[in-house]
Amino acid sequence: RSTARAKKRKRKKDLAYGEANMQWASLGAIGAGLVAMTLWWVIIHYLHFRLGIIAWIVGGIVGVGGRLAGGGSSQKLGLLCGACAFGAIVGGQFIDARIALNQWVDEKMEEAYTEELATAQKAVKAETDDQIREYLAAEYSMGSERTKPETITAAEIRNFKEQRKHYQDMVDGKITKEQYGKDVKDVSNSGAANFVLLLYSIGFRGIIFLILGIGTAYKLGSGLIE
């Protein structure tokens, strides 16, 4: 029995470190990753189907693609397949989330601009500190809970005065609807926004299947799965 186990471990080791044509294997892994990412996005976007096991399958497709194209397996190929699987799974989900966010921003843009302009027209009328307190108190009040003007702090007044130039530019037409939309899109496309969107697109449950997909791709590429 111990001899059989030793042979099995040796076979796994041989498979894991066997040579593969890395040039072809790389093309296979990357190509399979692009195809799998596209299919994953189509499933999410058009079928509205986010079952995590499909992300696991994406990893399998990448691993098989790299191994078949390379005509063998190796640890280096396993790492490459794992990286490509990560890109394919995360890429498909992120692209779908990005498209959805862009559509939402486009749909809400005119409404947001109209509301912002209405706010600006009210805000520019507040010039003195007392008027600013009255304005901010009214803005902070919700329903029956009224904010008293005397509770407005000096820091809040300073912040309002800094923001007031933006409001004045909107009222004067210096910030057009097109410019406002561009500014909003610049914020939504910023690195910080994309990072948050990336985390949102993966989700907590998605992390589990992301790990499984990467692990499967690695094992197939390295030869740990025959």
C-alpha atoms as a PDB file:
ATOM      1  CA  ARG A   1       0.000   0.000   0.000  1.00  0.00           C
ATOM      2  CA  SER A   2       2.856   2.390   0.849  1.00  0.00           C
ATOM      3  CA  THR A   3       4.470   1.593  -2.520  1.00  0.00           C
ATOM      4  CA  ALA A   4       1.251   2.525  -4.321  1.00  0.00           C
ATOM      5  CA  ARG A   5       1.072   5.824  -2.452  1.00  0.00           C
ATOM      6  CA  ALA A   6       4.691   6.588  -3.302  1.00  0.00           C
ATOM      7  CA  LYS A   7       4.024   5.918  -6.978  1.00  0.00           C
ATOM      8  CA  LYS A   8       0.956   8.129  -6.870  1.00  0.00           C
ATOM      9  CA  ARG A   9       2.929  10.995  -5.277  1.00  0.00           C
ATOM     10  CA  LYS A  10       5.701  10.562  -7.846  1.00  0.00           C
ATOM     11  CA  ARG A  11       3.175  10.615 -10.686  1.00  0.00           C
ATOM     12  CA  LYS A  12       1.634  13.838  -9.351  1.00  0.00           C
ATOM     13  CA  LYS A  13       5.074  15.370  -9.007  1.00  0.00           C
ATOM     14  CA  ASP A  14       5.990  14.359 -12.547  1.00  0.00           C
ATOM     15  CA  LEU A  15       2.746  15.818 -13.847  1.00  0.00           C
ATOM     16  CA  ALA A  16       3.168  19.051 -11.901  1.00  0.00           C
ATOM     17  CA  TYR A  17       6.669  19.719 -13.157  1.00  0.00           C
ATOM     18  CA  GLY A  18       6.512  18.163 -16.610  1.00  0.00           C
ATOM     19  CA  GLU A  19       7.591  20.359 -19.490  1.00  0.00           C
ATOM     20  CA  ALA A  20       5.054  22.109 -21.685  1.00  0.00           C
ATOM     21  CA  ASN A  21       5.549  24.323 -24.703  1.00  0.00           C
ATOM     22  CA  MET A  22       5.046  27.603 -22.852  1.00  0.00           C
ATOM     23  CA  GLN A  23       4.723  29.699 -26.006  1.00  0.00           C
ATOM     24  CA  TRP A  24       1.743  27.715 -27.253  1.00  0.00           C
ATOM     25  CA  ALA A  25       0.481  27.139 -23.725  1.00  0.00           C
ATOM     26  CA  SER A  26       0.450  30.888 -23.084  1.00  0.00           C
ATOM     27  CA  LEU A  27      -1.526  31.518 -26.261  1.00  0.00           C
ATOM     28  CA  GLY A  28      -3.944  28.758 -25.321  1.00  0.00           C
ATOM     29  CA  ALA A  29      -4.448  30.004 -21.761  1.00  0.00           C
ATOM     30  CA  ILE A  30      -4.880  33.629 -22.802  1.00  0.00           C
ATOM     31  CA  GLY A  31      -7.150  32.731 -25.723  1.00  0.00           C
ATOM     32  CA  ALA A  32      -9.268  30.436 -23.562  1.00  0.00           C
ATOM     33  CA  GLY A  33      -9.410  33.168 -20.926  1.00  0.00           C
ATOM     34  CA  LEU A  34     -10.728  35.730 -23.418  1.00  0.00           C
ATOM     35  CA  VAL A  35     -13.331  33.309 -24.765  1.00  0.00           C
ATOM     36  CA  ALA A  36     -14.393  32.253 -21.267  1.00  0.00           C
ATOM     37  CA  MET A  37     -14.575  35.879 -20.093  1.00  0.00           C
ATOM     38  CA  THR A  38     -16.797  36.776 -23.052  1.00  0.00           C
ATOM     39  CA  LEU A  39     -19.106  33.824 -22.419  1.00  0.00           C
ATOM     40  CA  TRP A  40     -19.228  34.652 -18.708  1.00  0.00           C
ATOM     41  CA  TRP A  41     -20.182  38.247 -19.476  1.00  0.00           C
ATOM     42  CA  VAL A  42     -22.862  37.168 -21.971  1.00  0.00           C
ATOM     43  CA  ILE A  43     -24.377  34.838 -19.371  1.00  0.00           C
ATOM     44  CA  ILE A  44     -24.403  37.576 -16.732  1.00  0.00           C
ATOM     45  CA  HIS A  45     -25.572  40.408 -18.973  1.00  0.00           C
ATOM     46  CA  TYR A  46     -28.153  38.757 -21.190  1.00  0.00           C
ATOM     47  CA  LEU A  47     -29.322  35.774 -19.144  1.00  0.00           C
ATOM     48  CA  HIS A  48     -28.976  37.526 -15.772  1.00  0.00           C
ATOM     49  CA  PHE A  49     -27.478  34.329 -14.454  1.00  0.00           C
ATOM     50  CA  ARG A  50     -24.789  34.753 -11.799  1.00  0.00           C
ATOM     51  CA  LEU A  51     -24.469  31.225 -10.446  1.00  0.00           C
ATOM     52  CA  GLY A  52     -20.972  31.042  -9.002  1.00  0.00           C
ATOM     53  CA  ILE A  53     -20.315  27.549 -10.275  1.00  0.00           C
ATOM     54  CA  ILE A  54     -20.043  29.003 -13.793  1.00  0.00           C
ATOM     55  CA  ALA A  55     -17.073  31.068 -12.594  1.00  0.00           C
ATOM     56  CA  TRP A  56     -15.586  27.773 -11.466  1.00  0.00           C
ATOM     57  CA  ILE A  57     -16.172  26.356 -14.940  1.00  0.00           C
ATOM     58  CA  VAL A  58     -14.448  29.398 -16.447  1.00  0.00           C
ATOM     59  CA  GLY A  59     -11.329  28.418 -14.528  1.00  0.00           C
ATOM     60  CA  GLY A  60     -11.612  24.905 -15.900  1.00  0.00           C
ATOM     61  CA  ILE A  61     -11.875  26.186 -19.479  1.00  0.00           C
ATOM     62  CA  VAL A  62      -8.728  28.263 -19.050  1.00  0.00           C
ATOM     63  CA  GLY A  63      -6.800  25.359 -17.541  1.00  0.00           C
ATOM     64  CA  VAL A  64      -7.822  22.950 -20.275  1.00  0.00           C
ATOM     65  CA  GLY A  65      -7.067  25.513 -22.986  1.00  0.00           C
ATOM     66  CA  GLY A  66      -3.559  26.156 -21.716  1.00  0.00           C
ATOM     67  CA  ARG A  67      -2.797  22.482 -21.209  1.00  0.00           C
ATOM     68  CA  LEU A  68      -4.068  21.338 -24.586  1.00  0.00           C
ATOM     69  CA  ALA A  69      -2.316  24.127 -26.463  1.00  0.00           C
ATOM     70  CA  GLY A  70       0.931  23.529 -24.610  1.00  0.00           C
ATOM     71  CA  GLY A  71       0.857  19.792 -25.120  1.00  0.00           C
ATOM     72  CA  GLY A  72       1.793  19.187 -21.509  1.00  0.00           C
ATOM     73  CA  SER A  73       1.791  20.683 -18.061  1.00  0.00           C
ATOM     74  CA  SER A  74       4.126  22.449 -15.649  1.00  0.00           C
ATOM     75  CA  GLN A  75       3.993  24.519 -12.512  1.00  0.00           C
ATOM     76  CA  LYS A  76       4.764  27.635 -14.569  1.00  0.00           C
ATOM     77  CA  LEU A  77       1.789  26.863 -16.804  1.00  0.00           C
ATOM     78  CA  GLY A  78      -0.364  26.315 -13.727  1.00  0.00           C
ATOM     79  CA  LEU A  79       0.487  29.769 -12.434  1.00  0.00           C
ATOM     80  CA  LEU A  80      -0.210  31.292 -15.837  1.00  0.00           C
ATOM     81  CA  CYS A  81      -3.569  29.524 -16.075  1.00  0.00           C
ATOM     82  CA  GLY A  82      -4.467  30.696 -12.576  1.00  0.00           C
ATOM     83  CA  ALA A  83      -3.676  34.292 -13.515  1.00  0.00           C
ATOM     84  CA  CYS A  84      -5.689  34.047 -16.746  1.00  0.00           C
ATOM     85  CA  ALA A  85      -8.612  32.493 -14.863  1.00  0.00           C
ATOM     86  CA  PHE A  86      -8.547  35.377 -12.391  1.00  0.00           C
ATOM     87  CA  GLY A  87      -8.615  37.883 -15.247  1.00  0.00           C
ATOM     88  CA  ALA A  88     -11.420  36.052 -17.052  1.00  0.00           C
ATOM     89  CA  ILE A  89     -13.696  35.664 -14.020  1.00  0.00           C
ATOM     90  CA  VAL A  90     -13.159  39.118 -12.574  1.00  0.00           C
ATOM     91  CA  GLY A  91     -13.073  40.756 -16.006  1.00  0.00           C
ATOM     92  CA  GLY A  92     -16.445  39.374 -17.076  1.00  0.00           C
ATOM     93  CA  GLN A  93     -18.133  40.490 -13.868  1.00  0.00           C
ATOM     94  CA  PHE A  94     -16.441  43.886 -13.813  1.00  0.00           C
ATOM     95  CA  ILE A  95     -17.313  44.680 -17.436  1.00  0.00           C
ATOM     96  CA  ASP A  96     -20.970  43.903 -16.754  1.00  0.00           C
ATOM     97  CA  ALA A  97     -20.962  46.063 -13.614  1.00  0.00           C
ATOM     98  CA  ARG A  98     -19.245  48.915 -15.471  1.00  0.00           C
ATOM     99  CA  ILE A  99     -21.772  48.829 -18.327  1.00  0.00           C
ATOM    100  CA  ALA A 100     -24.661  48.789 -15.839  1.00  0.00           C
ATOM    101  CA  LEU A 101     -23.206  51.745 -13.922  1.00  0.00           C
ATOM    102  CA  ASN A 102     -22.647  53.761 -17.099  1.00  0.00           C
ATOM    103  CA  GLN A 103     -26.238  53.132 -18.186  1.00  0.00           C
ATOM    104  CA  TRP A 104     -27.541  54.155 -14.761  1.00  0.00           C
ATOM    105  CA  VAL A 105     -25.472  57.355 -14.796  1.00  0.00           C
ATOM    106  CA  ASP A 106     -26.764  58.230 -18.278  1.00  0.00           C
ATOM    107  CA  GLU A 107     -30.363  57.629 -17.198  1.00  0.00           C
ATOM    108  CA  LYS A 108     -30.090  59.717 -14.021  1.00  0.00           C
ATOM    109  CA  MET A 109     -27.901  62.493 -15.426  1.00  0.00           C
ATOM    110  CA  GLU A 110     -30.604  64.937 -16.511  1.00  0.00           C
ATOM    111  CA  GLU A 111     -32.584  64.434 -13.309  1.00  0.00           C
ATOM    112  CA  ALA A 112     -29.458  64.963 -11.196  1.00  0.00           C
ATOM    113  CA  TYR A 113     -28.508  68.099 -13.108  1.00  0.00           C
ATOM    114  CA  THR A 114     -32.009  69.565 -12.723  1.00  0.00           C
ATOM    115  CA  GLU A 115     -31.970  68.927  -8.981  1.00  0.00           C
ATOM    116  CA  GLU A 116     -28.464  70.321  -8.614  1.00  0.00           C
ATOM    117  CA  LEU A 117     -29.399  73.462 -10.550  1.00  0.00           C
ATOM    118  CA  ALA A 118     -32.474  73.990  -8.367  1.00  0.00           C
ATOM    119  CA  THR A 119     -30.284  73.637  -5.286  1.00  0.00           C
ATOM    120  CA  ALA A 120     -27.776  76.104  -6.733  1.00  0.00           C
ATOM    121  CA  GLN A 121     -30.469  78.698  -7.404  1.00  0.00           C
ATOM    122  CA  LYS A 122     -31.492  78.568  -3.751  1.00  0.00           C
ATOM    123  CA  ALA A 123     -27.947  78.434  -2.412  1.00  0.00           C
ATOM    124  CA  VAL A 124     -26.635  81.536  -4.176  1.00  0.00           C
ATOM    125  CA  LYS A 125     -29.249  83.659  -2.429  1.00  0.00           C
ATOM    126  CA  ALA A 126     -27.570  82.937   0.896  1.00  0.00           C
ATOM    127  CA  GLU A 127     -24.798  85.527   1.151  1.00  0.00           C
ATOM    128  CA  THR A 128     -24.410  86.591   4.779  1.00  0.00           C
ATOM    129  CA  ASP A 129     -23.574  84.152   7.602  1.00  0.00           C
ATOM    130  CA  ASP A 130     -27.115  84.458   8.994  1.00  0.00           C
ATOM    131  CA  GLN A 131     -28.624  83.689   5.591  1.00  0.00           C
ATOM    132  CA  ILE A 132     -26.277  80.725   5.223  1.00  0.00           C
ATOM    133  CA  ARG A 133     -27.364  79.420   8.632  1.00  0.00           C
ATOM    134  CA  GLU A 134     -31.017  79.713   7.604  1.00  0.00           C
ATOM    135  CA  TYR A 135     -30.353  77.959   4.306  1.00  0.00           C
ATOM    136  CA  LEU A 136     -28.338  75.092   5.829  1.00  0.00           C
ATOM    137  CA  ALA A 137     -30.831  74.656   8.653  1.00  0.00           C
ATOM    138  CA  ALA A 138     -33.613  74.261   6.087  1.00  0.00           C
ATOM    139  CA  GLU A 139     -31.502  71.786   4.100  1.00  0.00           C
ATOM    140  CA  TYR A 140     -30.689  69.705   7.158  1.00  0.00           C
ATOM    141  CA  SER A 141     -34.287  69.586   8.388  1.00  0.00           C
ATOM    142  CA  MET A 142     -36.183  66.360   7.722  1.00  0.00           C
ATOM    143  CA  GLY A 143     -39.943  66.156   8.108  1.00  0.00           C
ATOM    144  CA  SER A 144     -40.998  67.274  11.550  1.00  0.00           C
ATOM    145  CA  GLU A 145     -37.405  67.334  12.780  1.00  0.00           C
ATOM    146  CA  ARG A 146     -36.335  70.919  12.248  1.00  0.00           C
ATOM    147  CA  THR A 147     -32.728  72.041  12.532  1.00  0.00           C
ATOM    148  CA  LYS A 148     -32.193  75.335  14.314  1.00  0.00           C
ATOM    149  CA  PRO A 149     -30.036  77.935  12.509  1.00  0.00           C
ATOM    150  CA  GLU A 150     -27.992  78.589  15.676  1.00  0.00           C
ATOM    151  CA  THR A 151     -26.752  74.984  15.627  1.00  0.00           C
ATOM    152  CA  ILE A 152     -24.936  75.540  12.329  1.00  0.00           C
ATOM    153  CA  THR A 153     -21.207  75.642  13.031  1.00  0.00           C
ATOM    154  CA  ALA A 154     -18.559  77.995  11.681  1.00  0.00           C
ATOM    155  CA  ALA A 155     -16.919  75.071   9.856  1.00  0.00           C
ATOM    156  CA  GLU A 156     -20.179  74.294   8.072  1.00  0.00           C
ATOM    157  CA  ILE A 157     -20.452  77.921   7.015  1.00  0.00           C
ATOM    158  CA  ARG A 158     -16.894  77.847   5.642  1.00  0.00           C
ATOM    159  CA  ASN A 159     -17.595  74.649   3.726  1.00  0.00           C
ATOM    160  CA  PHE A 160     -20.722  76.197   2.238  1.00  0.00           C
ATOM    161  CA  LYS A 161     -18.814  79.299   1.117  1.00  0.00           C
ATOM    162  CA  GLU A 162     -16.289  77.073  -0.650  1.00  0.00           C
ATOM    163  CA  GLN A 163     -19.128  75.191  -2.363  1.00  0.00           C
ATOM    164  CA  ARG A 164     -21.003  78.398  -3.189  1.00  0.00           C
ATOM    165  CA  LYS A 165     -18.679  79.186  -6.123  1.00  0.00           C
ATOM    166  CA  HIS A 166     -19.721  75.902  -7.725  1.00  0.00           C
ATOM    167  CA  TYR A 167     -23.376  76.845  -7.261  1.00  0.00           C
ATOM    168  CA  GLN A 168     -22.783  80.314  -8.685  1.00  0.00           C
ATOM    169  CA  ASP A 169     -21.052  78.850 -11.745  1.00  0.00           C
ATOM    170  CA  MET A 170     -24.064  76.619 -12.360  1.00  0.00           C
ATOM    171  CA  VAL A 171     -26.497  79.520 -12.090  1.00  0.00           C
ATOM    172  CA  ASP A 172     -24.321  81.677 -14.374  1.00  0.00           C
ATOM    173  CA  GLY A 173     -24.211  78.915 -16.972  1.00  0.00           C
ATOM    174  CA  LYS A 174     -20.467  78.341 -16.629  1.00  0.00           C
ATOM    175  CA  ILE A 175     -21.179  74.719 -15.776  1.00  0.00           C
ATOM    176  CA  THR A 176     -23.398  73.408 -18.552  1.00  0.00           C
ATOM    177  CA  LYS A 177     -25.359  70.196 -18.500  1.00  0.00           C
ATOM    178  CA  GLU A 178     -22.722  68.622 -20.723  1.00  0.00           C
ATOM    179  CA  GLN A 179     -19.884  69.742 -18.440  1.00  0.00           C
ATOM    180  CA  TYR A 180     -21.790  68.536 -15.377  1.00  0.00           C
ATOM    181  CA  GLY A 181     -22.283  65.139 -17.004  1.00  0.00           C
ATOM    182  CA  LYS A 182     -18.610  64.929 -17.922  1.00  0.00           C
ATOM    183  CA  ASP A 183     -17.579  65.736 -14.335  1.00  0.00           C
ATOM    184  CA  VAL A 184     -19.890  63.055 -12.956  1.00  0.00           C
ATOM    185  CA  LYS A 185     -18.569  60.470 -15.406  1.00  0.00           C
ATOM    186  CA  ASP A 186     -14.982  61.397 -14.562  1.00  0.00           C
ATOM    187  CA  VAL A 187     -15.732  60.649 -10.922  1.00  0.00           C
ATOM    188  CA  SER A 188     -17.520  57.389 -11.747  1.00  0.00           C
ATOM    189  CA  ASN A 189     -14.560  56.316 -13.913  1.00  0.00           C
ATOM    190  CA  SER A 190     -11.892  57.203 -11.359  1.00  0.00           C
ATOM    191  CA  GLY A 191      -9.523  54.595  -9.991  1.00  0.00           C
ATOM    192  CA  ALA A 192     -11.173  54.627  -6.577  1.00  0.00           C
ATOM    193  CA  ALA A 193     -14.637  54.176  -8.107  1.00  0.00           C
ATOM    194  CA  ASN A 194     -13.423  51.307 -10.282  1.00  0.00           C
ATOM    195  CA  PHE A 195     -11.859  49.597  -7.272  1.00  0.00           C
ATOM    196  CA  VAL A 196     -15.118  49.818  -5.315  1.00  0.00           C
ATOM    197  CA  LEU A 197     -17.024  48.627  -8.387  1.00  0.00           C
ATOM    198  CA  LEU A 198     -14.630  45.699  -8.747  1.00  0.00           C
ATOM    199  CA  LEU A 199     -15.226  44.606  -5.146  1.00  0.00           C
ATOM    200  CA  TYR A 200     -18.979  45.028  -5.601  1.00  0.00           C
ATOM    201  CA  SER A 201     -18.981  42.998  -8.822  1.00  0.00           C
ATOM    202  CA  ILE A 202     -17.205  40.078  -7.141  1.00  0.00           C
ATOM    203  CA  GLY A 203     -19.183  40.029  -3.896  1.00  0.00           C
ATOM    204  CA  PHE A 204     -18.524  37.849  -0.863  1.00  0.00           C
ATOM    205  CA  ARG A 205     -19.907  34.633  -2.347  1.00  0.00           C
ATOM    206  CA  GLY A 206     -18.119  35.363  -5.593  1.00  0.00           C
ATOM    207  CA  ILE A 207     -14.770  35.263  -3.803  1.00  0.00           C
ATOM    208  CA  ILE A 208     -15.308  31.597  -2.952  1.00  0.00           C
ATOM    209  CA  PHE A 209     -15.942  30.581  -6.550  1.00  0.00           C
ATOM    210  CA  LEU A 210     -13.179  32.910  -7.736  1.00  0.00           C
ATOM    211  CA  ILE A 211     -10.738  30.960  -5.565  1.00  0.00           C
ATOM    212  CA  LEU A 212     -12.156  27.653  -6.804  1.00  0.00           C
ATOM    213  CA  GLY A 213     -11.889  28.787 -10.431  1.00  0.00           C
ATOM    214  CA  ILE A 214      -8.291  29.927 -10.008  1.00  0.00           C
ATOM    215  CA  GLY A 215      -7.406  26.738  -8.144  1.00  0.00           C
ATOM    216  CA  THR A 216      -8.921  24.535 -10.836  1.00  0.00           C
ATOM    217  CA  ALA A 217      -7.084  26.398 -13.585  1.00  0.00           C
ATOM    218  CA  TYR A 218      -3.819  26.079 -11.670  1.00  0.00           C
ATOM    219  CA  LYS A 219      -4.250  22.367 -11.023  1.00  0.00           C
ATOM    220  CA  LEU A 220      -5.121  21.644 -14.642  1.00  0.00           C
ATOM    221  CA  GLY A 221      -2.219  23.691 -15.964  1.00  0.00           C
ATOM    222  CA  SER A 222       0.270  22.215 -13.511  1.00  0.00           C
ATOM    223  CA  GLY A 223      -0.911  18.671 -14.071  1.00  0.00           C
ATOM    224  CA  LEU A 224      -2.248  18.052 -10.579  1.00  0.00           C
ATOM    225  CA  ILE A 225      -5.564  17.149 -12.235  1.00  0.00           C
ATOM    226  CA  GLU A 226      -5.202  14.571 -15.001  1.00  0.00           C
END
